[in-house]
Amino acid sequence: MKKVLLIEFSQSGQLSEVLRSFSRALLDAPDVRVHIETLRPRQPYPFPWPILRFFDTFPEAVHLDPPQLEPLSLDARERFDLVIVGYTVWFLSPSLPITAFLKGPQAAELLRDTPVVTVVACRDMWLMAQERMKELLAAVGARLVGHAAFTDEAGTAGSFLATPVWVMSGKKGPHLGGLIPRAGVHPEKIRGAVRFGARILERLRAGAALDESLLRGLGAVHVNERLISSETFIRRGLRLWGSLLRALGPQGAWVRKPVLLVYILWLVVMILTVVPLGVLVKALLTPLTRKRVAAQKAYFGAPSGSA
């Protein structure tokens, strides 16, 4: 009997839906036992989010300050043939409950020398968050063998409004007669995720090594090279703002609120200027930097390979 561990934290339920489709073949297989571990923060995160509570989580998110979790429902000494870690992106970083698990003492026991596949469901800006995931997994001795990214159907421009409206209202939309598009991953993309579990099941049954070829050729990720520089620049700004806000006090401190309002204005300006400018510059320079762009796509697309 092969054993697979699936770790998740999903506020809206979309990530759980993606993961169930992704793992469908494994869940249905009589010769595979899948343990689903849903992380439970001791202080729950609301959904939908009140606007200031939402932005007040970003300093800790970008600095990877782990919150406390309720105890896991499994013995950390148990060994698994594969671990699937599903996460969402908070401010270009993994969600705080996932950070808390990976920085906790049980992660090193569960994941050391174990093949891991990461699955993200988010807007199309996930590159910097996956970089943090790589660092956290390496720190506990895990072997990252695959990554799959499921991004919002609204695209970069559409999700700029669609995602915050969904997060703060709990409604995917569309809104305003379609002026704000529907948020979230397209249902067809979610249904299509079954191909990944089928590939994994095939490898497990064959007794083949679960290595970096596991998800290749399945269109697991699409790296939008035009967003690389934008993500890098915005993340640096987030860390600077985060350092300032952490110095003012913990989450919920009243002294952080006025500065948060200034930060929100900065973030909106950055997204409206830096992101499109970065996309434009990247497009203009592409003919001169083809080799560099190809190398960047290969790096950020690893280990699954960019479609």
Protein backbone atom coordinates (compact mmCIF):
# COMPACT_ATOMS: atom_id res chain seq x y z
CA MET A 1 0.00 0.00 0.00
CA LYS A 2 1.44 3.35 -1.09
CA LYS A 3 0.93 6.32 1.23
CA VAL A 4 0.44 9.95 0.20
CA LEU A 5 0.13 12.94 2.53
CA LEU A 6 -1.84 15.97 1.33
CA ILE A 7 -1.36 19.18 3.34
CA GLU A 8 -3.65 22.14 2.77
CA PHE A 9 -5.04 25.39 4.09
CA SER A 10 -7.88 26.91 2.06
CA GLN A 11 -9.95 29.86 3.20
CA SER A 12 -12.37 30.13 0.29
CA GLY A 13 -12.43 26.42 -0.52
CA GLN A 14 -11.02 26.89 -4.02
CA LEU A 15 -7.62 25.38 -3.20
CA SER A 16 -9.32 22.34 -1.64
CA GLU A 17 -11.33 21.91 -4.83
CA VAL A 18 -8.13 22.09 -6.91
CA LEU A 19 -6.39 19.58 -4.67
CA ARG A 20 -9.28 17.10 -4.74
CA SER A 21 -9.22 17.17 -8.54
CA PHE A 22 -5.41 16.99 -8.59
CA SER A 23 -5.49 13.93 -6.29
CA ARG A 24 -8.64 12.28 -7.66
CA ALA A 25 -6.88 9.23 -9.11
CA LEU A 26 -5.01 8.72 -5.84
CA LEU A 27 -8.12 9.15 -3.70
CA ASP A 28 -10.01 6.60 -5.80
CA ALA A 29 -7.18 4.04 -5.96
CA PRO A 30 -7.67 1.01 -3.64
CA ASP A 31 -3.92 0.52 -3.34
CA VAL A 32 -3.14 4.07 -2.20
CA ARG A 33 -3.92 5.61 1.18
CA VAL A 34 -4.20 9.40 1.13
CA HIS A 35 -4.09 11.26 4.43
CA ILE A 36 -5.52 14.78 4.13
CA GLU A 37 -4.11 17.15 6.73
CA THR A 38 -6.00 20.45 6.95
CA LEU A 39 -4.00 23.02 8.89
CA ARG A 40 -5.86 24.82 11.68
CA PRO A 41 -4.47 28.15 12.92
CA ARG A 42 -5.14 28.75 16.61
CA GLN A 43 -6.35 32.21 15.69
CA PRO A 44 -8.56 31.60 12.64
CA TYR A 45 -8.23 33.77 9.55
CA PRO A 46 -11.63 35.06 8.40
CA PHE A 47 -13.14 34.76 4.96
CA PRO A 48 -14.22 37.15 3.62
CA TRP A 49 -11.57 39.40 5.11
CA PRO A 50 -12.23 42.82 6.70
CA ILE A 51 -10.02 45.13 4.67
CA LEU A 52 -7.65 46.31 7.42
CA ARG A 53 -7.36 42.80 8.89
CA PHE A 54 -6.41 41.56 5.43
CA PHE A 55 -3.63 44.10 4.95
CA ASP A 56 -2.50 43.79 8.56
CA THR A 57 -1.33 40.22 7.87
CA PHE A 58 1.18 41.23 5.19
CA PRO A 59 4.20 42.17 7.37
CA GLU A 60 4.22 38.73 8.99
CA ALA A 61 3.47 37.00 5.68
CA VAL A 62 6.39 38.53 3.78
CA HIS A 63 8.79 38.01 6.70
CA LEU A 64 7.61 34.41 7.17
CA ASP A 65 6.65 34.89 10.83
CA PRO A 66 4.74 31.69 11.65
CA PRO A 67 1.45 31.80 13.59
CA GLN A 68 0.55 29.03 16.02
CA LEU A 69 -1.25 25.97 14.66
CA GLU A 70 -3.42 23.39 16.36
CA PRO A 71 -1.69 20.00 16.67
CA LEU A 72 -1.60 17.85 13.52
CA SER A 73 -3.87 14.82 13.32
CA LEU A 74 -1.06 12.41 12.39
CA ASP A 75 2.12 11.04 13.90
CA ALA A 76 5.08 13.02 12.55
CA ARG A 77 7.18 9.83 12.58
CA GLU A 78 5.00 8.28 9.88
CA ARG A 79 6.68 7.98 6.48
CA PHE A 80 4.97 8.73 3.17
CA ASP A 81 5.89 7.89 -0.41
CA LEU A 82 4.86 11.39 -1.51
CA VAL A 83 3.74 14.63 0.12
CA ILE A 84 1.54 17.15 -1.73
CA VAL A 85 1.59 20.66 -0.25
CA GLY A 86 -1.20 22.96 -1.44
CA TYR A 87 -0.95 26.67 -0.75
CA THR A 88 -2.29 30.07 -1.70
CA VAL A 89 -0.29 33.28 -2.10
CA TRP A 90 -0.45 36.06 0.47
CA PHE A 91 1.45 39.18 -0.62
CA LEU A 92 3.86 37.26 -2.88
CA SER A 93 4.54 34.77 -0.07
CA PRO A 94 3.04 31.42 0.97
CA SER A 95 -0.02 31.72 3.22
CA LEU A 96 0.93 32.00 6.88
CA PRO A 97 -0.50 28.62 7.98
CA ILE A 98 1.64 26.85 5.36
CA THR A 99 4.67 28.84 6.52
CA ALA A 100 3.88 27.83 10.10
CA PHE A 101 3.75 24.15 9.18
CA LEU A 102 7.00 24.23 7.20
CA LYS A 103 8.81 26.09 9.99
CA GLY A 104 7.42 23.82 12.69
CA PRO A 105 9.25 20.87 14.24
CA GLN A 106 7.02 18.20 12.69
CA ALA A 107 7.75 19.26 9.09
CA ALA A 108 11.36 18.14 9.35
CA GLU A 109 10.26 14.69 10.53
CA LEU A 110 7.54 14.28 7.92
CA LEU A 111 9.35 15.71 4.90
CA ARG A 112 13.01 14.86 5.32
CA ASP A 113 14.27 12.90 2.28
CA THR A 114 10.69 12.72 0.98
CA PRO A 115 9.52 13.74 -2.52
CA VAL A 116 7.23 16.76 -2.39
CA VAL A 117 4.90 18.28 -4.99
CA THR A 118 3.69 21.84 -4.44
CA VAL A 119 0.34 23.06 -5.79
CA VAL A 120 -0.65 26.73 -5.81
CA ALA A 121 -3.98 28.38 -6.68
CA CYS A 122 -3.77 32.16 -6.96
CA ARG A 123 -3.49 35.17 -9.27
CA ASP A 124 -0.75 34.82 -11.90
CA MET A 125 1.86 36.30 -9.55
CA TRP A 126 3.22 33.20 -7.78
CA LEU A 127 6.94 33.17 -8.65
CA MET A 128 8.28 34.85 -5.49
CA ALA A 129 5.99 32.75 -3.27
CA GLN A 130 7.35 29.57 -4.86
CA GLU A 131 10.89 30.80 -4.23
CA ARG A 132 10.04 31.00 -0.53
CA MET A 133 8.52 27.52 -0.71
CA LYS A 134 11.75 26.18 -2.19
CA GLU A 135 13.72 27.71 0.68
CA LEU A 136 11.37 26.36 3.36
CA LEU A 137 11.35 22.88 1.85
CA ALA A 138 15.13 22.80 1.50
CA ALA A 139 15.47 23.82 5.15
CA VAL A 140 13.64 20.66 6.28
CA GLY A 141 15.45 18.37 3.84
CA ALA A 142 12.51 17.74 1.51
CA ARG A 143 13.00 16.91 -2.19
CA LEU A 144 10.89 19.14 -4.45
CA VAL A 145 10.00 16.97 -7.45
CA GLY A 146 7.06 18.84 -8.96
CA HIS A 147 5.07 22.06 -8.96
CA ALA A 148 1.68 22.92 -10.47
CA ALA A 149 0.24 26.45 -10.65
CA PHE A 150 -3.47 27.18 -11.17
CA THR A 151 -4.03 30.87 -11.88
CA ASP A 152 -7.09 33.08 -12.07
CA GLU A 153 -8.99 33.16 -15.34
CA ALA A 154 -9.22 36.98 -15.18
CA GLY A 155 -5.51 37.40 -15.92
CA THR A 156 -3.14 40.04 -14.55
CA ALA A 157 -5.26 43.13 -15.23
CA GLY A 158 -8.67 41.61 -14.49
CA SER A 159 -7.64 39.95 -11.24
CA PHE A 160 -6.25 43.26 -9.92
CA LEU A 161 -9.85 44.16 -9.04
CA ALA A 162 -11.55 40.77 -9.15
CA THR A 163 -9.40 39.08 -6.49
CA PRO A 164 -9.62 41.82 -3.81
CA VAL A 165 -13.40 42.09 -4.33
CA TRP A 166 -13.73 38.31 -3.89
CA VAL A 167 -11.44 38.23 -0.83
CA MET A 168 -13.32 41.05 0.90
CA SER A 169 -16.89 40.19 -0.16
CA GLY A 170 -16.75 36.40 -0.43
CA LYS A 171 -18.37 36.59 -3.90
CA LYS A 172 -16.48 35.60 -7.05
CA GLY A 173 -18.60 37.71 -9.36
CA PRO A 174 -18.63 38.92 -12.06
CA HIS A 175 -19.56 42.32 -10.63
CA LEU A 176 -20.90 45.58 -12.10
CA GLY A 177 -22.32 43.88 -15.16
CA GLY A 178 -19.00 42.22 -15.99
CA LEU A 179 -16.85 45.34 -15.58
CA ILE A 180 -15.10 43.43 -12.79
CA PRO A 181 -14.62 39.88 -14.14
CA ARG A 182 -15.18 36.63 -12.30
CA ALA A 183 -12.43 35.82 -9.81
CA GLY A 184 -10.76 32.49 -9.30
CA VAL A 185 -9.45 29.58 -11.33
CA HIS A 186 -11.64 28.52 -14.26
CA PRO A 187 -13.67 25.36 -13.45
CA GLU A 188 -12.34 23.66 -16.58
CA LYS A 189 -8.77 24.13 -15.35
CA ILE A 190 -9.73 22.62 -12.03
CA ARG A 191 -11.38 19.60 -13.68
CA GLY A 192 -8.30 19.17 -15.88
CA ALA A 193 -6.09 18.75 -12.82
CA VAL A 194 -7.01 15.04 -12.69
CA ARG A 195 -4.20 14.37 -15.18
CA PHE A 196 -1.59 15.04 -12.50
CA GLY A 197 -2.93 12.50 -10.05
CA ALA A 198 -3.18 9.95 -12.86
CA ARG A 199 0.52 10.44 -13.68
CA ILE A 200 1.52 10.15 -10.02
CA LEU A 201 -0.56 6.98 -9.60
CA GLU A 202 1.06 5.47 -12.67
CA ARG A 203 4.54 6.15 -11.23
CA LEU A 204 3.62 4.81 -7.79
CA ARG A 205 2.20 1.57 -9.19
CA ALA A 206 5.22 1.06 -11.43
CA GLY A 207 7.56 1.50 -8.49
CA ALA A 208 9.35 4.21 -10.46
CA ALA A 209 11.38 6.90 -8.75
CA LEU A 210 9.48 10.10 -8.00
CA ASP A 211 11.95 12.59 -9.38
CA GLU A 212 11.87 15.93 -11.17
CA SER A 213 10.40 14.34 -14.30
CA LEU A 214 7.19 13.53 -12.40
CA LEU A 215 4.94 16.27 -13.87
CA ARG A 216 6.92 17.24 -16.96
CA GLY A 217 5.04 17.43 -20.23
CA LEU A 218 1.68 17.99 -18.51
CA GLY A 219 1.56 21.80 -18.70
CA ALA A 220 1.87 22.08 -14.92
CA VAL A 221 3.04 25.71 -14.87
CA HIS A 222 3.08 28.71 -17.16
CA VAL A 223 5.74 31.28 -16.31
CA ASN A 224 4.74 34.77 -17.38
CA GLU A 225 8.24 36.14 -17.89
CA ARG A 226 6.88 39.67 -18.15
CA LEU A 227 6.00 39.63 -14.45
CA ILE A 228 9.37 38.46 -13.10
CA SER A 229 10.89 41.92 -12.64
CA SER A 230 7.61 43.34 -11.30
CA GLU A 231 7.31 40.62 -8.66
CA THR A 232 10.94 41.08 -7.64
CA PHE A 233 10.58 44.85 -7.27
CA ILE A 234 7.27 44.72 -5.39
CA ARG A 235 8.54 42.03 -3.02
CA ARG A 236 11.48 44.23 -2.03
CA GLY A 237 9.05 47.04 -1.26
CA LEU A 238 6.82 44.70 0.73
CA ARG A 239 9.75 43.64 2.90
CA LEU A 240 10.67 47.27 3.63
CA TRP A 241 7.09 48.21 4.53
CA GLY A 242 6.76 44.99 6.50
CA SER A 243 9.86 45.76 8.55
CA LEU A 244 8.46 49.19 9.42
CA LEU A 245 5.07 47.83 10.46
CA ARG A 246 6.55 44.99 12.51
CA ALA A 247 8.66 47.56 14.37
CA LEU A 248 5.52 49.53 15.26
CA GLY A 249 3.81 46.61 16.96
CA PRO A 250 2.14 43.20 16.52
CA GLN A 251 -0.85 42.41 14.31
CA GLY A 252 -3.89 44.35 15.46
CA ALA A 253 -1.92 47.17 17.11
CA TRP A 254 -3.71 50.49 16.59
CA VAL A 255 -0.43 52.27 15.80
CA ARG A 256 -0.07 50.16 12.63
CA LYS A 257 -3.39 51.29 11.15
CA PRO A 258 -2.42 54.80 9.88
CA VAL A 259 0.75 53.39 8.30
CA LEU A 260 -1.27 50.57 6.75
CA LEU A 261 -3.43 53.12 4.95
CA VAL A 262 -0.32 54.72 3.44
CA TYR A 263 0.97 51.27 2.49
CA ILE A 264 -2.31 50.38 0.74
CA LEU A 265 -2.00 53.54 -1.36
CA TRP A 266 1.63 52.66 -2.19
CA LEU A 267 0.66 49.12 -3.19
CA VAL A 268 -2.13 50.31 -5.50
CA VAL A 269 0.23 52.80 -7.16
CA MET A 270 2.89 50.12 -7.59
CA ILE A 271 0.45 47.68 -9.19
CA LEU A 272 -0.94 50.36 -11.49
CA THR A 273 2.49 51.63 -12.57
CA VAL A 274 5.32 49.18 -11.89
CA VAL A 275 3.52 46.05 -13.12
CA PRO A 276 2.42 47.45 -16.51
CA LEU A 277 5.73 49.30 -16.94
CA GLY A 278 7.63 46.10 -16.17
CA VAL A 279 5.52 44.19 -18.68
CA LEU A 280 6.13 46.86 -21.34
CA VAL A 281 9.89 47.00 -20.75
CA LYS A 282 10.12 43.21 -20.76
CA ALA A 283 8.24 43.06 -24.06
CA LEU A 284 10.47 45.72 -25.64
CA LEU A 285 13.67 44.02 -24.48
CA THR A 286 12.64 40.46 -25.31
CA PRO A 287 14.26 40.45 -28.79
CA LEU A 288 17.57 41.49 -27.16
CA THR A 289 17.39 39.18 -24.16
CA ARG A 290 15.96 35.94 -25.53
CA LYS A 291 18.60 33.73 -23.92
CA ARG A 292 18.23 35.42 -20.53
CA VAL A 293 14.43 35.23 -20.69
CA ALA A 294 14.57 31.55 -21.66
CA ALA A 295 16.91 30.87 -18.72
CA GLN A 296 14.55 32.71 -16.34
CA LYS A 297 11.54 30.76 -17.59
CA ALA A 298 13.42 27.49 -17.18
CA TYR A 299 14.51 28.40 -13.66
CA PHE A 300 11.11 29.53 -12.38
CA GLY A 301 9.33 26.71 -14.20
CA ALA A 302 11.47 24.01 -12.57
CA PRO A 303 11.08 21.24 -11.73
CA SER A 304 7.91 20.67 -13.77
CA GLY A 305 8.91 22.77 -16.79
CA SER A 306 7.11 25.86 -18.05
CA ALA A 307 4.43 25.25 -20.66
